[in-house]
C-alpha atoms as a PDB file:
ATOM      1  CA  GLN A   1     172.259  73.745  60.728  1.00  0.00           C
ATOM      2  CA  LEU A   2     171.476  75.498  64.006  1.00  0.00           C
ATOM      3  CA  THR A   3     171.964  73.095  66.924  1.00  0.00           C
ATOM      4  CA  THR A   4     171.818  75.523  69.848  1.00  0.00           C
ATOM      5  CA  LEU A   5     170.169  78.840  70.557  1.00  0.00           C
ATOM      6  CA  ALA A   6     173.043  79.939  72.812  1.00  0.00           C
ATOM      7  CA  SER A   7     174.033  82.646  70.322  1.00  0.00           C
ATOM      8  CA  LEU A   8     170.680  84.310  71.034  1.00  0.00           C
ATOM      9  CA  SER A   9     171.252  84.451  74.790  1.00  0.00           C
ATOM     10  CA  SER A  10     171.135  88.267  74.930  1.00  0.00           C
ATOM     11  CA  LEU A  11     168.137  88.654  72.600  1.00  0.00           C
ATOM     12  CA  GLN A  12     165.416  90.673  74.333  1.00  0.00           C
ATOM     13  CA  ARG A  13     162.960  91.644  71.604  1.00  0.00           C
ATOM     14  CA  ILE A  14     161.896  90.350  68.199  1.00  0.00           C
ATOM     15  CA  GLY A  15     160.308  93.162  66.212  1.00  0.00           C
ATOM     16  CA  GLY A  16     158.970  91.006  63.396  1.00  0.00           C
ATOM     17  CA  ALA A  17     159.627  93.587  60.662  1.00  0.00           C
ATOM     18  CA  ALA A  18     161.431  90.972  58.552  1.00  0.00           C
ATOM     19  CA  THR A  19     159.693  87.600  58.479  1.00  0.00           C
ATOM     20  CA  TYR A  20     160.368  84.119  57.137  1.00  0.00           C
ATOM     21  CA  THR A  21     158.422  82.155  54.549  1.00  0.00           C
ATOM     22  CA  ASN A  22     158.623  78.396  55.107  1.00  0.00           C
ATOM     23  CA  PRO A  23     159.147  75.871  52.283  1.00  0.00           C
ATOM     24  CA  ALA A  24     155.390  75.291  52.057  1.00  0.00           C
ATOM     25  CA  GLY A  25     154.900  78.972  51.226  1.00  0.00           C
ATOM     26  CA  ASP A  26     153.394  80.046  54.552  1.00  0.00           C
ATOM     27  CA  ALA A  27     154.661  83.565  55.206  1.00  0.00           C
ATOM     28  CA  GLY A  28     154.955  85.919  58.125  1.00  0.00           C
ATOM     29  CA  TYR A  29     157.015  83.984  60.682  1.00  0.00           C
ATOM     30  CA  ALA A  30     159.112  86.011  63.136  1.00  0.00           C
ATOM     31  CA  VAL A  31     160.152  82.782  64.895  1.00  0.00           C
ATOM     32  CA  TYR A  32     160.225  79.481  62.996  1.00  0.00           C
ATOM     33  CA  LEU A  33     162.018  76.550  64.607  1.00  0.00           C
ATOM     34  CA  SER A  34     161.385  73.184  63.023  1.00  0.00           C
ATOM     35  CA  GLY A  35     163.200  69.906  62.744  1.00  0.00           C
ATOM     36  CA  ASN A  36     165.694  67.864  64.689  1.00  0.00           C
ATOM     37  CA  GLY A  37     168.579  70.323  64.977  1.00  0.00           C
ATOM     38  CA  PHE A  38     167.976  71.660  68.491  1.00  0.00           C
ATOM     39  CA  SER A  39     167.104  70.183  71.870  1.00  0.00           C
ATOM     40  CA  ASP A  40     166.140  73.105  74.124  1.00  0.00           C
ATOM     41  CA  LEU A  41     165.192  76.755  74.108  1.00  0.00           C
ATOM     42  CA  ALA A  42     167.605  77.842  76.851  1.00  0.00           C
ATOM     43  CA  GLY A  43     169.073  80.515  74.574  1.00  0.00           C
ATOM     44  CA  LEU A  44     165.801  82.438  74.628  1.00  0.00           C
ATOM     45  CA  GLN A  45     165.818  83.082  78.379  1.00  0.00           C
ATOM     46  CA  THR A  46     166.170  86.871  78.007  1.00  0.00           C
ATOM     47  CA  LEU A  47     163.488  87.253  75.342  1.00  0.00           C
ATOM     48  CA  SER A  48     160.764  89.570  76.658  1.00  0.00           C
ATOM     49  CA  SER A  49     158.578  90.260  73.606  1.00  0.00           C
ATOM     50  CA  ILE A  50     157.748  89.198  70.074  1.00  0.00           C
ATOM     51  CA  GLU A  51     156.069  92.253  68.613  1.00  0.00           C
ATOM     52  CA  GLY A  52     155.188  91.087  65.123  1.00  0.00           C
ATOM     53  CA  GLY A  53     154.971  87.987  63.003  1.00  0.00           C
ATOM     54  CA  ARG A  54     153.826  84.471  63.682  1.00  0.00           C
ATOM     55  CA  VAL A  55     155.558  81.865  65.854  1.00  0.00           C
ATOM     56  CA  LYS A  56     156.052  78.173  65.133  1.00  0.00           C
ATOM     57  CA  ILE A  57     158.062  75.817  67.337  1.00  0.00           C
ATOM     58  CA  ALA A  58     157.822  72.307  65.898  1.00  0.00           C
ATOM     59  CA  GLY A  59     160.598  70.520  67.655  1.00  0.00           C
ATOM     60  CA  PRO A  60     161.682  66.936  67.774  1.00  0.00           C
ATOM     61  CA  SER A  61     160.646  64.557  70.544  1.00  0.00           C
ATOM     62  CA  THR A  62     163.895  65.557  72.297  1.00  0.00           C
ATOM     63  CA  LEU A  63     162.986  69.271  72.522  1.00  0.00           C
ATOM     64  CA  CYS A  64     162.505  70.254  76.142  1.00  0.00           C
ATOM     65  CA  TYR A  65     161.600  73.424  78.014  1.00  0.00           C
ATOM     66  CA  PHE A  66     159.420  74.847  75.231  1.00  0.00           C
ATOM     67  CA  ASP A  67     156.533  74.668  77.680  1.00  0.00           C
ATOM     68  CA  LYS A  68     158.488  76.729  80.254  1.00  0.00           C
ATOM     69  CA  VAL A  69     158.373  79.829  78.041  1.00  0.00           C
ATOM     70  CA  ASN A  70     155.352  82.079  78.604  1.00  0.00           C
ATOM     71  CA  TRP A  71     154.529  82.442  74.909  1.00  0.00           C
ATOM     72  CA  TYR A  72     151.298  84.310  75.616  1.00  0.00           C
ATOM     73  CA  ALA A  73     153.170  86.991  77.576  1.00  0.00           C
ATOM     74  CA  LEU A  74     155.766  87.278  74.787  1.00  0.00           C
ATOM     75  CA  LEU A  75     153.097  87.708  72.132  1.00  0.00           C
ATOM     76  CA  GLY A  76     150.846  90.005  74.150  1.00  0.00           C
ATOM     77  CA  PRO A  77     147.220  90.401  73.097  1.00  0.00           C
ATOM     78  CA  ASN A  78     148.060  88.877  69.702  1.00  0.00           C
ATOM     79  CA  TYR A  79     148.704  85.421  71.121  1.00  0.00           C
ATOM     80  CA  TYR A  80     146.752  83.926  68.193  1.00  0.00           C
ATOM     81  CA  ARG A  81     150.020  84.302  66.227  1.00  0.00           C
ATOM     82  CA  LEU A  82     151.281  81.181  68.004  1.00  0.00           C
ATOM     83  CA  ILE A  83     150.726  78.680  65.202  1.00  0.00           C
ATOM     84  CA  GLU A  84     152.273  75.508  66.612  1.00  0.00           C
ATOM     85  CA  LEU A  85     154.080  74.515  69.780  1.00  0.00           C
ATOM     86  CA  THR A  86     155.285  70.916  70.005  1.00  0.00           C
ATOM     87  CA  GLY A  87     158.263  69.082  71.427  1.00  0.00           C
ATOM     88  CA  GLY A  88     159.362  66.359  73.779  1.00  0.00           C
ATOM     89  CA  THR A  89     157.172  64.379  76.078  1.00  0.00           C
ATOM     90  CA  ALA A  90     157.023  65.078  79.797  1.00  0.00           C
ATOM     91  CA  THR A  91     158.484  61.638  80.499  1.00  0.00           C
ATOM     92  CA  TYR A  92     161.559  62.298  78.372  1.00  0.00           C
ATOM     93  CA  CYS A  93     162.069  65.841  79.606  1.00  0.00           C
ATOM     94  CA  GLN A  94     161.898  64.886  83.304  1.00  0.00           C
ATOM     95  CA  THR A  95     165.357  63.354  82.961  1.00  0.00           C
ATOM     96  CA  ARG A  96     166.901  66.474  81.392  1.00  0.00           C
ATOM     97  CA  VAL A  97     168.650  69.288  83.232  1.00  0.00           C
ATOM     98  CA  CYS A  98     168.387  72.770  81.766  1.00  0.00           C
ATOM     99  CA  ASP A  99     171.749  74.424  81.112  1.00  0.00           C
ATOM    100  CA  SER A 100     171.120  78.078  81.943  1.00  0.00           C
ATOM    101  CA  SER A 101     174.648  79.238  81.124  1.00  0.00           C
END
C-alpha cells in the first residue's frame, strides 16, 4: 500500500497513455488516489502537466494540501477530466506542516 508520494518527487509530466480502471469498472484514470493510505500530496510538487486521462483524488479526512495544487493548470483546457477532489477539512489541515523535502 502506497503511504507517501515521495517516490514521485521528480515527476514532471503524466502523459496518460496508459490508464487505470478502478474496481467499479470506470476506466481512463491517469491519476487515481483513493483510500486511507496517504496523508499529503507533497510528492507531486514538481508535476507540471497531466496530458491525458482522468483524475480522481478521494483522500481520507487526513489528506491535506490537495487544494494547494492548481489542478486546472495541470489539466489545461481539459479540466473537466477532474472527476473528484476530496480530502481533509480546513480545520484539521491548519495544524499540519507540509514537508517539502
